[in-house]
PDB file of N, CA and C in Angstrom:
ATOM      1  N   MET A   1      81.306 -12.122-106.066  1.00  0.00           N
ATOM      2  CA  MET A   1      82.538 -10.993-106.017  1.00  0.00           C
ATOM      3  C   MET A   1      82.327 -10.598-105.987  1.00  0.00           C
ATOM      4  N   PRO A   2      82.761  -9.594-104.474  1.00  0.00           N
ATOM      5  CA  PRO A   2      82.991  -8.403-103.775  1.00  0.00           C
ATOM      6  C   PRO A   2      83.809  -7.183-104.894  1.00  0.00           C
ATOM      7  N   ARG A   3      84.749  -7.632-105.348  1.00  0.00           N
ATOM      8  CA  ARG A   3      85.917  -6.980-105.350  1.00  0.00           C
ATOM      9  C   ARG A   3      86.040  -7.072-107.106  1.00  0.00           C
ATOM     10  N   GLU A   4      85.869  -5.937-107.678  1.00  0.00           N
ATOM     11  CA  GLU A   4      85.994  -4.801-108.648  1.00  0.00           C
ATOM     12  C   GLU A   4      87.008  -4.573-109.690  1.00  0.00           C
ATOM     13  N   ILE A   5      87.283  -4.521-110.357  1.00  0.00           N
ATOM     14  CA  ILE A   5      88.405  -4.342-111.411  1.00  0.00           C
ATOM     15  C   ILE A   5      87.659  -2.691-111.655  1.00  0.00           C
ATOM     16  N   ILE A   6      88.693  -1.448-111.661  1.00  0.00           N
ATOM     17  CA  ILE A   6      88.504  -0.814-111.516  1.00  0.00           C
ATOM     18  C   ILE A   6      89.683   0.513-112.067  1.00  0.00           C
ATOM     19  N   THR A   7      89.181   1.719-113.360  1.00  0.00           N
ATOM     20  CA  THR A   7      90.407   2.050-113.503  1.00  0.00           C
ATOM     21  C   THR A   7      90.786   3.389-113.650  1.00  0.00           C
ATOM     22  N   LEU A   8      91.616   3.898-113.359  1.00  0.00           N
ATOM     23  CA  LEU A   8      91.855   4.919-112.811  1.00  0.00           C
ATOM     24  C   LEU A   8      92.300   6.530-113.760  1.00  0.00           C
ATOM     25  N   GLN A   9      91.889   7.390-113.925  1.00  0.00           N
ATOM     26  CA  GLN A   9      92.131   8.568-115.076  1.00  0.00           C
ATOM     27  C   GLN A   9      92.252   9.857-114.786  1.00  0.00           C
ATOM     28  N   CYS A  10      94.197  10.233-115.128  1.00  0.00           N
ATOM     29  CA  CYS A  10      94.155  10.974-114.234  1.00  0.00           C
ATOM     30  C   CYS A  10      93.759  13.002-114.300  1.00  0.00           C
ATOM     31  N   THR A  11      93.324  13.641-113.653  1.00  0.00           N
ATOM     32  CA  THR A  11      92.286  14.423-113.662  1.00  0.00           C
ATOM     33  C   THR A  11      93.617  15.779-114.973  1.00  0.00           C
ATOM     34  N   GLU A  12      94.857  15.821-114.436  1.00  0.00           N
ATOM     35  CA  GLU A  12      95.335  16.722-115.436  1.00  0.00           C
ATOM     36  C   GLU A  12      95.179  16.378-117.291  1.00  0.00           C
ATOM     37  N   THR A  13      95.787  14.945-117.617  1.00  0.00           N
ATOM     38  CA  THR A  13      95.962  15.130-119.141  1.00  0.00           C
ATOM     39  C   THR A  13      94.474  14.105-119.041  1.00  0.00           C
ATOM     40  N   LYS A  14      93.806  13.434-118.725  1.00  0.00           N
ATOM     41  CA  LYS A  14      92.606  12.828-119.071  1.00  0.00           C
ATOM     42  C   LYS A  14      93.109  11.176-119.829  1.00  0.00           C
ATOM     43  N   LEU A  15      94.418  10.426-118.804  1.00  0.00           N
ATOM     44  CA  LEU A  15      94.687   9.786-119.511  1.00  0.00           C
ATOM     45  C   LEU A  15      94.070   8.406-118.508  1.00  0.00           C
ATOM     46  N   LYS A  16      94.074   7.329-119.113  1.00  0.00           N
ATOM     47  CA  LYS A  16      93.730   6.381-118.077  1.00  0.00           C
ATOM     48  C   LYS A  16      94.793   5.141-118.335  1.00  0.00           C
ATOM     49  N   LEU A  17      95.915   5.399-117.222  1.00  0.00           N
ATOM     50  CA  LEU A  17      97.259   4.879-117.107  1.00  0.00           C
ATOM     51  C   LEU A  17      96.805   3.192-116.292  1.00  0.00           C
ATOM     52  N   TYR A  18      95.840   3.481-115.122  1.00  0.00           N
ATOM     53  CA  TYR A  18      96.006   2.708-114.002  1.00  0.00           C
ATOM     54  C   TYR A  18      94.621   2.084-114.115  1.00  0.00           C
ATOM     55  N   THR A  19      94.795   0.364-113.667  1.00  0.00           N
ATOM     56  CA  THR A  19      93.547  -0.224-113.276  1.00  0.00           C
ATOM     57  C   THR A  19      93.808  -0.720-112.206  1.00  0.00           C
ATOM     58  N   THR A  20      92.929  -1.252-110.941  1.00  0.00           N
ATOM     59  CA  THR A  20      93.632  -1.809-109.625  1.00  0.00           C
ATOM     60  C   THR A  20      91.471  -1.885-109.386  1.00  0.00           C
ATOM     61  N   THR A  21      91.704  -2.714-108.071  1.00  0.00           N
ATOM     62  CA  THR A  21      90.387  -3.232-107.645  1.00  0.00           C
ATOM     63  C   THR A  21      89.903  -2.853-106.181  1.00  0.00           C
ATOM     64  N   LYS A  22      88.304  -2.851-105.868  1.00  0.00           N
ATOM     65  CA  LYS A  22      88.212  -2.016-105.145  1.00  0.00           C
ATOM     66  C   LYS A  22      86.846  -2.828-104.416  1.00  0.00           C
ATOM     67  N   ASN A  23      87.238  -3.340-103.174  1.00  0.00           N
ATOM     68  CA  ASN A  23      85.597  -4.288-102.597  1.00  0.00           C
ATOM     69  C   ASN A  23      84.197  -2.843-102.714  1.00  0.00           C
ATOM     70  N   LYS A  24      83.088  -3.011-103.645  1.00  0.00           N
ATOM     71  CA  LYS A  24      82.180  -2.461-103.498  1.00  0.00           C
ATOM     72  C   LYS A  24      81.471  -2.090-102.915  1.00  0.00           C
ATOM     73  N   LYS A  25      81.359  -2.885-102.187  1.00  0.00           N
ATOM     74  CA  LYS A  25      80.278  -3.150-100.752  1.00  0.00           C
ATOM     75  C   LYS A  25      81.111  -2.588 -99.388  1.00  0.00           C
ATOM     76  N   LYS A  26      82.426  -2.149 -98.928  1.00  0.00           N
ATOM     77  CA  LYS A  26      82.955  -1.436 -98.156  1.00  0.00           C
ATOM     78  C   LYS A  26      83.728  -0.079 -98.509  1.00  0.00           C
ATOM     79  N   THR A  27      83.587   0.305 -99.987  1.00  0.00           N
ATOM     80  CA  THR A  27      83.712   0.974-100.475  1.00  0.00           C
ATOM     81  C   THR A  27      82.994   1.991-101.430  1.00  0.00           C
ATOM     82  N   THR A  28      82.254   2.533-100.980  1.00  0.00           N
ATOM     83  CA  THR A  28      81.313   2.922-101.947  1.00  0.00           C
ATOM     84  C   THR A  28      81.332   4.246-102.765  1.00  0.00           C
ATOM     85  N   GLU A  29      82.266   4.990-102.441  1.00  0.00           N
ATOM     86  CA  GLU A  29      82.636   6.443-103.376  1.00  0.00           C
ATOM     87  C   GLU A  29      83.630   6.436-104.451  1.00  0.00           C
ATOM     88  N   ARG A  30      84.029   7.373-105.076  1.00  0.00           N
ATOM     89  CA  ARG A  30      84.984   7.102-105.670  1.00  0.00           C
ATOM     90  C   ARG A  30      86.357   7.046-105.651  1.00  0.00           C
ATOM     91  N   LEU A  31      87.249   6.328-106.002  1.00  0.00           N
ATOM     92  CA  LEU A  31      88.520   5.992-105.031  1.00  0.00           C
ATOM     93  C   LEU A  31      89.163   7.241-106.003  1.00  0.00           C
ATOM     94  N   GLU A  32      90.237   8.050-105.211  1.00  0.00           N
ATOM     95  CA  GLU A  32      91.002   9.009-105.556  1.00  0.00           C
ATOM     96  C   GLU A  32      92.537   8.492-105.182  1.00  0.00           C
ATOM     97  N   LEU A  33      93.540   8.581-106.046  1.00  0.00           N
ATOM     98  CA  LEU A  33      94.588   8.266-105.873  1.00  0.00           C
ATOM     99  C   LEU A  33      96.013   9.675-106.209  1.00  0.00           C
ATOM    100  N   MET A  34      97.320   9.529-105.190  1.00  0.00           N
ATOM    101  CA  MET A  34      97.768  10.266-106.212  1.00  0.00           C
ATOM    102  C   MET A  34      98.979   8.687-107.124  1.00  0.00           C
ATOM    103  N   LYS A  35      98.907   9.299-108.209  1.00  0.00           N
ATOM    104  CA  LYS A  35      99.649   8.458-109.399  1.00  0.00           C
ATOM    105  C   LYS A  35     100.856   8.472-109.491  1.00  0.00           C
ATOM    106  N   TYR A  36     101.510   8.300-110.617  1.00  0.00           N
ATOM    107  CA  TYR A  36     102.829   8.919-111.287  1.00  0.00           C
ATOM    108  C   TYR A  36     102.451   8.894-112.745  1.00  0.00           C
ATOM    109  N   ASN A  37     102.694   9.482-113.127  1.00  0.00           N
ATOM    110  CA  ASN A  37     101.477  10.543-115.085  1.00  0.00           C
ATOM    111  C   ASN A  37     103.367   9.902-115.849  1.00  0.00           C
ATOM    112  N   PRO A  38     103.431   9.276-116.551  1.00  0.00           N
ATOM    113  CA  PRO A  38     104.938   9.540-116.902  1.00  0.00           C
ATOM    114  C   PRO A  38     104.633  10.389-118.242  1.00  0.00           C
ATOM    115  N   LYS A  39     103.288  10.672-118.607  1.00  0.00           N
ATOM    116  CA  LYS A  39     103.713  11.900-119.644  1.00  0.00           C
ATOM    117  C   LYS A  39     104.120  13.292-119.449  1.00  0.00           C
ATOM    118  N   LEU A  40     103.877  13.307-117.998  1.00  0.00           N
ATOM    119  CA  LEU A  40     104.227  14.894-117.381  1.00  0.00           C
ATOM    120  C   LEU A  40     105.081  14.849-116.317  1.00  0.00           C
ATOM    121  N   ARG A  41     105.673  13.708-116.072  1.00  0.00           N
ATOM    122  CA  ARG A  41     106.894  13.242-114.927  1.00  0.00           C
ATOM    123  C   ARG A  41     106.581  13.818-113.470  1.00  0.00           C
ATOM    124  N   LYS A  42     105.643  13.458-113.038  1.00  0.00           N
ATOM    125  CA  LYS A  42     105.680  13.826-111.737  1.00  0.00           C
ATOM    126  C   LYS A  42     104.268  13.025-111.295  1.00  0.00           C
ATOM    127  N   HIS A  43     103.627  13.790-110.362  1.00  0.00           N
ATOM    128  CA  HIS A  43     102.473  12.357-109.335  1.00  0.00           C
ATOM    129  C   HIS A  43     101.692  13.081-109.116  1.00  0.00           C
ATOM    130  N   THR A  44     100.149  12.833-110.562  1.00  0.00           N
ATOM    131  CA  THR A  44      99.005  13.738-110.320  1.00  0.00           C
ATOM    132  C   THR A  44      97.977  12.983-109.400  1.00  0.00           C
ATOM    133  N   LEU A  45      96.455  13.762-109.225  1.00  0.00           N
ATOM    134  CA  LEU A  45      95.611  13.110-108.721  1.00  0.00           C
ATOM    135  C   LEU A  45      95.097  12.004-110.002  1.00  0.00           C
ATOM    136  N   HIS A  46      94.785  11.054-109.508  1.00  0.00           N
ATOM    137  CA  HIS A  46      93.784   9.911-110.681  1.00  0.00           C
ATOM    138  C   HIS A  46      92.756   9.719-109.796  1.00  0.00           C
ATOM    139  N   ARG A  47      91.194   9.816-110.401  1.00  0.00           N
ATOM    140  CA  ARG A  47      90.098   9.237-110.021  1.00  0.00           C
ATOM    141  C   ARG A  47      89.388   8.384-110.726  1.00  0.00           C
ATOM    142  N   GLU A  48      88.846   7.612-109.674  1.00  0.00           N
ATOM    143  CA  GLU A  48      87.793   5.947-110.761  1.00  0.00           C
ATOM    144  C   GLU A  48      87.092   6.377-111.661  1.00  0.00           C
ATOM    145  N   VAL A  49      87.053   6.097-112.529  1.00  0.00           N
ATOM    146  CA  VAL A  49      85.723   6.389-113.692  1.00  0.00           C
ATOM    147  C   VAL A  49      85.396   5.122-114.395  1.00  0.00           C
ATOM    148  N   LYS A  50      84.168   5.017-114.774  1.00  0.00           N
ATOM    149  CA  LYS A  50      83.263   3.543-114.917  1.00  0.00           C
ATOM    150  C   LYS A  50      83.974   3.068-116.633  1.00  0.00           C
TER     151      LYS A  50
END
């Protein structure tokens, strides 16, 4: 199965708020997305963690 479940961690609060899937064969670098952080009540950068 090429798609793997990954966790996204906020760069500001270090909270692990979101999970998503990505294709490991096509996307080898770490995923970075702007997602909503309810604690800060704004959109922040979230990075993929193991």
